[in-house]
Protein backbone atom coordinates (compact mmCIF):
# COMPACT_ATOMS: atom_id res chain seq x y z
CA MET A 1 74.69 33.31 74.75
CA ALA A 2 78.25 32.68 73.31
CA ALA A 3 78.19 31.92 69.69
CA GLY A 4 80.62 29.93 67.80
CA ILE A 5 81.43 27.03 65.45
CA VAL A 6 82.26 23.53 67.01
CA ALA A 7 84.25 21.19 64.90
CA GLY A 8 83.49 17.47 64.79
CA ALA A 9 83.10 14.53 62.43
CA VAL A 10 79.28 13.93 62.74
CA ALA A 11 77.71 16.99 61.08
CA ALA A 12 75.91 15.16 58.27
CA ALA A 13 74.28 12.71 60.63
CA VAL A 14 73.36 15.66 63.11
CA LEU A 15 71.94 17.74 60.33
CA ALA A 16 69.84 14.92 59.01
CA ALA A 17 68.47 14.41 62.58
CA GLY A 18 67.72 18.02 63.13
CA GLY A 19 70.38 18.40 65.70
CA GLY A 20 72.50 21.45 66.82
CA VAL A 21 76.19 20.14 66.71
CA ALA A 22 78.52 21.54 64.03
CA GLY A 23 81.49 19.76 62.29
CA SER A 24 83.54 19.70 59.12
CA GLY A 25 84.65 16.97 56.60
CA ALA A 26 81.51 14.93 56.82
CA GLY A 27 79.66 13.45 53.79
CA GLY A 28 76.09 12.57 53.48
CA ASN A 29 73.43 10.77 51.51
CA GLY A 30 72.43 13.72 49.36
CA ILE A 31 71.14 17.08 49.97
CA ALA A 32 67.48 17.96 50.17
CA GLY A 33 65.63 20.39 48.06
CA HIS A 34 63.94 23.21 50.08
CA GLY A 35 61.28 23.60 52.79
CA THR A 36 60.99 24.47 56.42
CA ALA A 37 63.25 23.15 59.09
CA GLY A 38 61.81 21.33 61.99
CA GLY A 39 62.64 20.94 65.54
CA TRP A 40 66.08 21.75 66.84
CA SER A 41 68.44 21.47 69.60
CA ALA A 42 69.31 25.03 70.49
CA GLY A 43 72.96 24.95 70.91
CA ARG A 44 74.16 23.33 74.14
CA GLY A 45 70.70 23.53 75.82
CA ALA A 46 67.57 21.32 75.91
CA ALA A 47 65.94 20.42 72.63
CA GLU A 48 62.92 22.68 71.90
CA PRO A 49 60.78 23.41 68.87
CA ALA A 50 61.81 26.08 66.44
CA ARG A 51 59.43 28.93 65.96
CA TYR A 52 60.61 29.26 62.25
CA GLY A 53 63.00 27.56 60.10
CA VAL A 54 64.49 27.43 56.49
CA ARG A 55 66.14 24.57 54.53
CA GLU A 56 67.37 25.58 51.10
CA ALA A 57 69.62 23.56 48.69
CA ALA A 58 71.03 23.86 45.23
CA ARG A 59 73.83 23.03 42.83
CA PHE A 60 76.48 25.66 41.95
CA SER A 61 76.70 27.07 38.38
CA PRO A 62 78.69 29.82 36.86
CA PRO A 63 77.21 33.27 36.58
CA ASN A 64 76.79 32.94 32.87
CA ALA A 65 74.94 29.51 32.86
CA PHE A 66 72.14 29.08 30.66
CA VAL A 67 70.09 27.73 33.44
CA THR A 68 70.59 30.06 36.32
CA SER A 69 70.92 28.83 39.96
CA PRO A 70 70.65 30.59 43.43
CA ALA A 71 74.00 29.01 43.94
CA VAL A 72 76.86 30.74 41.98
CA THR A 73 80.60 29.68 41.81
CA TYR A 74 83.20 32.28 40.85
CA ASP A 75 85.97 29.71 41.16
CA MET A 76 85.45 26.47 39.26
CA LYS A 77 88.58 24.93 40.64
CA LEU A 78 87.66 25.24 44.27
CA VAL A 79 83.81 25.07 43.79
CA PRO A 80 83.10 23.16 40.55
CA ALA A 81 79.94 23.49 38.72
CA GLY A 82 77.40 20.76 39.99
CA ALA A 83 78.79 20.87 43.62
CA ARG A 84 75.94 21.10 46.17
CA ILE A 85 75.07 23.17 49.14
CA GLU A 86 72.54 23.13 51.70
CA VAL A 87 71.73 25.72 54.34
CA VAL A 88 69.47 25.30 57.26
CA GLN A 89 68.23 28.02 59.61
CA ARG A 90 66.29 27.32 62.80
CA GLY A 91 65.27 30.13 65.24
CA GLY A 92 63.08 31.33 67.93
CA HIS A 93 63.11 32.37 71.51
CA GLY A 94 65.69 35.05 70.86
CA ARG A 95 68.25 32.82 69.39
CA MET A 96 69.12 30.66 66.30
CA SER A 97 71.38 28.34 64.48
CA VAL A 98 72.63 28.35 60.90
CA SER A 99 74.06 25.29 59.32
CA VAL A 100 75.84 24.72 55.98
CA ARG A 101 76.72 21.50 54.22
CA VAL A 102 78.55 21.04 50.96
CA GLU A 103 79.45 18.21 48.60
CA GLY A 104 81.64 18.06 45.59
CA LEU A 105 84.11 20.80 46.57
CA ALA A 106 87.97 20.56 46.25
CA ALA A 107 88.95 17.88 48.78
CA GLY A 108 91.08 18.37 51.94
CA ARG A 109 90.89 22.13 51.90
CA ALA A 110 89.87 24.71 54.39
CA TYR A 111 87.09 27.05 53.40
CA GLY A 112 85.59 30.26 55.09
CA ALA A 113 81.87 30.79 55.00
CA HIS A 114 79.79 33.66 56.35
CA VAL A 115 76.10 34.95 56.09
CA HIS A 116 76.24 38.22 53.94
CA GLN A 117 73.67 41.06 53.68
CA GLY A 118 72.86 40.89 49.87
CA GLU A 119 71.75 38.38 47.35
CA CYS A 120 74.23 36.73 45.00
CA GLY A 121 74.87 38.11 41.47
CA GLY A 122 77.10 37.89 38.58
CA ASP A 123 79.87 39.84 40.41
CA SER A 124 81.13 38.22 43.66
CA ALA A 125 80.66 41.81 45.43
CA ALA A 126 76.94 41.73 44.88
CA ALA A 127 76.34 40.04 48.31
CA GLY A 128 77.67 43.04 50.24
CA GLY A 129 79.26 42.74 53.71
CA HIS A 130 78.83 40.21 56.36
CA TYR A 131 75.65 40.26 58.39
CA GLN A 132 76.36 41.90 61.68
CA HIS A 133 74.11 41.78 64.81
CA ARG A 134 75.66 44.91 66.00
CA GLU A 135 76.41 47.09 62.93
CA ASP A 136 79.78 48.72 62.50
CA PRO A 137 79.46 52.28 61.59
CA VAL A 138 82.45 52.05 59.39
CA ARG A 139 82.32 50.21 56.07
CA PRO A 140 83.94 47.93 55.04
CA SER A 141 83.98 46.48 58.54
CA LYS A 142 87.42 45.60 59.83
CA ASP A 143 87.09 46.31 63.55
CA PRO A 144 87.28 43.06 65.51
CA ALA A 145 84.89 44.38 67.93
CA TYR A 146 82.27 44.00 65.18
CA ALA A 147 83.85 41.59 62.77
CA ASN A 148 83.92 38.47 64.89
CA PRO A 149 82.12 35.09 65.03
CA GLU A 150 79.82 36.19 67.95
CA ASN A 151 78.56 39.22 66.00
CA GLU A 152 78.44 37.68 62.76
CA VAL A 153 77.72 34.10 61.39
CA TRP A 154 80.98 32.15 60.60
CA LEU A 155 80.63 28.81 59.08
CA ASP A 156 84.35 27.81 58.26
CA PHE A 157 84.74 24.12 57.50
CA THR A 158 87.26 21.74 56.07
CA THR A 159 86.37 19.21 53.18
CA ASP A 160 87.22 15.54 53.45
CA ALA A 161 88.68 13.27 50.81
CA HIS A 162 85.22 13.47 48.91
CA GLY A 163 84.96 17.24 48.89
CA ALA A 164 82.26 17.19 51.48
CA GLY A 165 82.07 19.50 54.68
CA ALA A 166 79.73 20.97 57.21
CA ALA A 167 79.52 23.42 59.96
CA THR A 168 76.96 25.11 62.30
CA ALA A 169 76.93 28.40 64.19
CA TRP A 170 74.70 29.26 67.13
CA GLN A 171 73.88 32.75 67.89
CA GLY A 172 72.18 34.34 71.03
CA TRP A 173 70.25 36.78 68.53
CA GLU A 174 68.12 36.51 65.41
CA PHE A 175 68.35 38.28 62.00
CA ARG A 176 66.58 41.63 61.45
CA PRO A 177 63.89 41.42 58.70
CA GLY A 178 65.55 41.37 55.26
CA GLY A 179 69.08 41.90 56.67
CA ALA A 180 70.52 38.52 55.78
CA ARG A 181 70.18 37.18 52.23
CA SER A 182 72.99 34.83 51.34
CA VAL A 183 75.97 32.50 52.37
CA VAL A 184 79.28 33.31 50.73
CA LEU A 185 82.14 30.82 50.54
CA HIS A 186 85.64 32.21 50.79
CA GLY A 187 88.99 30.83 49.63
CA MET A 188 90.42 30.70 53.24
CA PRO A 189 88.85 30.45 56.66
CA GLY A 190 88.66 33.38 59.01
CA GLY A 191 87.11 36.78 58.75
CA ALA A 192 87.97 37.56 55.06
CA GLY A 193 89.34 35.97 51.83
CA ALA A 194 88.46 35.89 48.27
CA ARG A 195 84.83 35.27 47.45
CA ILE A 196 84.67 32.02 45.54
CA ALA A 197 81.02 31.15 45.60
CA CYS A 198 77.73 32.47 46.82
CA PHE A 199 74.20 30.92 47.74
CA THR A 200 71.09 33.16 47.95
CA VAL A 201 69.02 31.99 50.94
CA PRO A 202 65.67 33.44 52.09
CA PHE A 203 66.58 33.53 55.72
CA GLU A 204 63.70 34.33 58.10
CA SER A 205 63.53 36.62 61.24
CA PRO A 206 60.93 36.80 64.12
CA GLY A 207 57.52 37.40 62.52
CA HIS A 208 58.96 37.84 58.80
CA ARG A 209 59.33 34.97 56.37
CA GLY A 210 62.17 35.22 53.83
CA SER A 211 61.56 35.95 50.34
């Protein structure tokens, strides 16, 4: 099944309703805490229940903050302390969706975002490389046969006038156990760019709950 990111202006409403359409530059009524994602609309097909799901949210803080957060900002200008992020994963039946929603970022700006292999840390490099369904034997991965939105999870978005944005990616595969641990925000859309923020997420895979 082809994977990708679909732009639109209704992402916040769709995420609130548990839908499966992506967008960018959409605000919302606040970001939830954490828990299990419910039913889903699996991409462009008929709605069906998810076998598993994750919903995590946090506010960004700098790496040296007195009170630590799973969401870390490395660029306070683009991702201010206190900005919010929510990530939702729904999966099952050999496919999954991953959604991101942000509030409080720099307004009217395009951002890149990808699922990464490692957890966030004080150094932006801590999250490692992009998660890949088919792993590139060469690291760092630059081969477009591997580094592409069908083999990775790309969640590029553009913030609106209030600094809110959202995106969803659908994949015709699921994560390997323990292989995906964070969402990294980049200073530009596409396959690369400076790492400006990171959010540790306990992604799940078939038969394995995140930790």
